[in-house]
Amino acid sequence: MPKVLVVDDSATQRTLLAGLLSQSGFEVETAEEGTHAIELLNEKPLDLVVTDMEMPQCNGVQLIES
C-alpha cells in the first residue's frame, strides 16, 4: 500500500485530504507543519508528500528542498 504524507497547517484541509486518500487505499500520515513533516520523513519511508506551499516556520518549498 503506498504511503502518503499530507502536510498542511489547516486542520480542516489536512483532515479532508487525508480522509480522501485513505478511502482511495493509501496509508496516510499527517503533519501540521514542515518541521514535523521532516521528522516523519526521517523516521520512515514514504512514497509521496502532498504539502501546502504557505505555512509558518517551514513552507512547502523548504520542506521539499530538505
N, C-alpha and C. Protein backbone atom coordinates (compact mmCIF):
# COMPACT_ATOMS: atom_id res chain seq x y z
N MET A 1 0.84 -1.17 0.00
CA MET A 1 0.00 0.00 0.00
C MET A 1 0.89 1.25 0.00
N PRO A 2 0.70 2.16 -0.95
CA PRO A 2 1.50 3.39 -0.99
C PRO A 2 1.28 4.24 0.25
N LYS A 3 2.37 4.86 0.72
CA LYS A 3 2.33 5.70 1.93
C LYS A 3 2.47 7.16 1.53
N VAL A 4 1.52 7.98 1.98
CA VAL A 4 1.47 9.39 1.62
C VAL A 4 1.54 10.24 2.89
N LEU A 5 2.31 11.32 2.82
CA LEU A 5 2.38 12.30 3.90
C LEU A 5 1.64 13.56 3.45
N VAL A 6 0.63 13.96 4.21
CA VAL A 6 -0.13 15.18 3.94
C VAL A 6 0.32 16.23 4.95
N VAL A 7 0.79 17.36 4.45
CA VAL A 7 1.30 18.43 5.31
C VAL A 7 0.50 19.70 5.05
N ASP A 8 -0.18 20.19 6.07
CA ASP A 8 -0.97 21.41 5.93
C ASP A 8 -1.20 22.00 7.31
N ASP A 9 -1.04 23.31 7.45
CA ASP A 9 -1.26 23.95 8.74
C ASP A 9 -2.74 24.12 9.04
N SER A 10 -3.60 23.91 8.07
CA SER A 10 -5.05 23.95 8.29
C SER A 10 -5.54 22.55 8.63
N ALA A 11 -6.02 22.38 9.85
CA ALA A 11 -6.50 21.07 10.29
C ALA A 11 -7.64 20.57 9.40
N THR A 12 -8.51 21.46 8.97
CA THR A 12 -9.63 21.07 8.12
C THR A 12 -9.15 20.51 6.79
N GLN A 13 -8.24 21.21 6.14
CA GLN A 13 -7.71 20.76 4.84
C GLN A 13 -6.93 19.46 5.00
N ARG A 14 -6.13 19.38 6.04
CA ARG A 14 -5.32 18.20 6.29
C ARG A 14 -6.19 16.97 6.52
N THR A 15 -7.22 17.11 7.32
CA THR A 15 -8.12 16.00 7.62
C THR A 15 -8.93 15.59 6.40
N LEU A 16 -9.41 16.55 5.63
CA LEU A 16 -10.19 16.25 4.43
C LEU A 16 -9.35 15.48 3.41
N LEU A 17 -8.18 15.97 3.13
CA LEU A 17 -7.32 15.31 2.14
C LEU A 17 -6.87 13.94 2.62
N ALA A 18 -6.52 13.84 3.89
CA ALA A 18 -6.10 12.54 4.44
C ALA A 18 -7.24 11.53 4.35
N GLY A 19 -8.44 11.96 4.63
CA GLY A 19 -9.59 11.08 4.53
C GLY A 19 -9.84 10.59 3.12
N LEU A 20 -9.76 11.50 2.17
CA LEU A 20 -9.96 11.12 0.76
C LEU A 20 -8.89 10.13 0.29
N LEU A 21 -7.65 10.38 0.65
CA LEU A 21 -6.57 9.49 0.25
C LEU A 21 -6.70 8.13 0.92
N SER A 22 -7.09 8.13 2.18
CA SER A 22 -7.27 6.88 2.91
C SER A 22 -8.38 6.04 2.28
N GLN A 23 -9.48 6.67 1.92
CA GLN A 23 -10.59 5.98 1.26
C GLN A 23 -10.18 5.43 -0.10
N SER A 24 -9.18 6.03 -0.70
CA SER A 24 -8.70 5.58 -2.01
C SER A 24 -7.64 4.49 -1.89
N GLY A 25 -7.35 4.06 -0.67
CA GLY A 25 -6.44 2.95 -0.49
C GLY A 25 -5.02 3.30 -0.11
N PHE A 26 -4.76 4.55 0.21
CA PHE A 26 -3.42 4.96 0.61
C PHE A 26 -3.28 4.88 2.13
N GLU A 27 -2.08 4.57 2.59
CA GLU A 27 -1.76 4.69 4.01
C GLU A 27 -1.30 6.13 4.20
N VAL A 28 -1.94 6.85 5.12
CA VAL A 28 -1.72 8.29 5.23
C VAL A 28 -1.14 8.67 6.59
N GLU A 29 -0.10 9.48 6.54
CA GLU A 29 0.46 10.15 7.72
C GLU A 29 0.15 11.64 7.54
N THR A 30 0.03 12.38 8.63
CA THR A 30 -0.21 13.81 8.52
C THR A 30 0.77 14.58 9.40
N ALA A 31 1.00 15.82 9.01
CA ALA A 31 1.83 16.74 9.78
C ALA A 31 1.23 18.13 9.67
N GLU A 32 1.25 18.87 10.77
CA GLU A 32 0.66 20.20 10.79
C GLU A 32 1.61 21.30 10.33
N GLU A 33 2.87 20.97 10.17
CA GLU A 33 3.83 21.97 9.67
C GLU A 33 5.08 21.27 9.15
N GLY A 34 5.89 22.02 8.43
CA GLY A 34 7.03 21.46 7.74
C GLY A 34 8.08 20.79 8.61
N THR A 35 8.37 21.37 9.77
CA THR A 35 9.40 20.76 10.61
C THR A 35 8.95 19.39 11.15
N HIS A 36 7.68 19.27 11.47
CA HIS A 36 7.16 17.97 11.90
C HIS A 36 7.20 16.98 10.73
N ALA A 37 6.92 17.45 9.53
CA ALA A 37 6.98 16.59 8.34
C ALA A 37 8.40 16.07 8.13
N ILE A 38 9.39 16.91 8.32
CA ILE A 38 10.78 16.50 8.15
C ILE A 38 11.12 15.40 9.16
N GLU A 39 10.65 15.53 10.39
CA GLU A 39 10.87 14.49 11.40
C GLU A 39 10.26 13.16 10.95
N LEU A 40 9.03 13.21 10.44
CA LEU A 40 8.37 11.98 9.97
C LEU A 40 9.13 11.36 8.79
N LEU A 41 9.59 12.19 7.88
CA LEU A 41 10.33 11.70 6.72
C LEU A 41 11.64 11.04 7.13
N ASN A 42 12.25 11.52 8.20
CA ASN A 42 13.48 10.92 8.69
C ASN A 42 13.24 9.61 9.43
N GLU A 43 12.02 9.42 9.93
CA GLU A 43 11.69 8.23 10.71
C GLU A 43 11.27 7.04 9.86
N LYS A 44 10.58 7.28 8.76
CA LYS A 44 10.04 6.18 7.98
C LYS A 44 9.97 6.53 6.50
N PRO A 45 10.08 5.53 5.65
CA PRO A 45 10.00 5.78 4.22
C PRO A 45 8.55 6.07 3.80
N LEU A 46 8.39 7.08 2.98
CA LEU A 46 7.08 7.44 2.43
C LEU A 46 7.22 7.56 0.92
N ASP A 47 6.13 7.30 0.22
CA ASP A 47 6.17 7.32 -1.24
C ASP A 47 5.85 8.67 -1.86
N LEU A 48 5.07 9.49 -1.16
CA LEU A 48 4.62 10.75 -1.73
C LEU A 48 4.38 11.76 -0.63
N VAL A 49 4.70 13.03 -0.91
CA VAL A 49 4.40 14.12 0.01
C VAL A 49 3.47 15.09 -0.71
N VAL A 50 2.33 15.39 -0.08
CA VAL A 50 1.41 16.41 -0.57
C VAL A 50 1.45 17.52 0.45
N THR A 51 1.91 18.70 0.03
CA THR A 51 2.14 19.76 1.01
C THR A 51 1.51 21.09 0.60
N ASP A 52 1.08 21.80 1.61
CA ASP A 52 0.66 23.19 1.46
C ASP A 52 1.93 23.98 1.16
N MET A 53 1.85 24.98 0.33
CA MET A 53 3.04 25.76 0.00
C MET A 53 3.28 26.90 0.99
N GLU A 54 2.22 27.43 1.60
CA GLU A 54 2.37 28.56 2.51
C GLU A 54 2.04 28.14 3.93
N MET A 55 3.11 27.91 4.71
CA MET A 55 2.96 27.54 6.12
C MET A 55 3.99 28.33 6.92
N PRO A 56 3.69 28.59 8.18
CA PRO A 56 4.68 29.28 9.02
C PRO A 56 5.85 28.36 9.33
N GLN A 57 6.95 28.90 9.68
CA GLN A 57 8.18 28.21 10.10
C GLN A 57 8.89 27.52 8.93
N CYS A 58 8.24 26.66 8.22
CA CYS A 58 8.87 25.91 7.13
C CYS A 58 7.83 25.72 6.03
N ASN A 59 7.97 26.46 4.92
CA ASN A 59 6.96 26.36 3.87
C ASN A 59 7.18 25.13 2.99
N GLY A 60 6.29 24.91 2.06
CA GLY A 60 6.34 23.72 1.22
C GLY A 60 7.62 23.59 0.42
N VAL A 61 8.14 24.68 -0.09
CA VAL A 61 9.39 24.64 -0.86
C VAL A 61 10.55 24.25 0.04
N GLN A 62 10.62 24.83 1.22
CA GLN A 62 11.69 24.46 2.16
C GLN A 62 11.59 23.00 2.56
N LEU A 63 10.38 22.51 2.72
CA LEU A 63 10.17 21.11 3.07
C LEU A 63 10.71 20.20 1.96
N ILE A 64 10.34 20.46 0.74
CA ILE A 64 10.77 19.63 -0.38
C ILE A 64 12.29 19.70 -0.58
N GLU A 65 12.86 20.87 -0.36
CA GLU A 65 14.31 21.02 -0.53
C GLU A 65 15.10 20.31 0.57
N SER A 66 14.46 20.05 1.70
CA SER A 66 15.19 19.39 2.79
C SER A 66 15.19 17.92 2.52
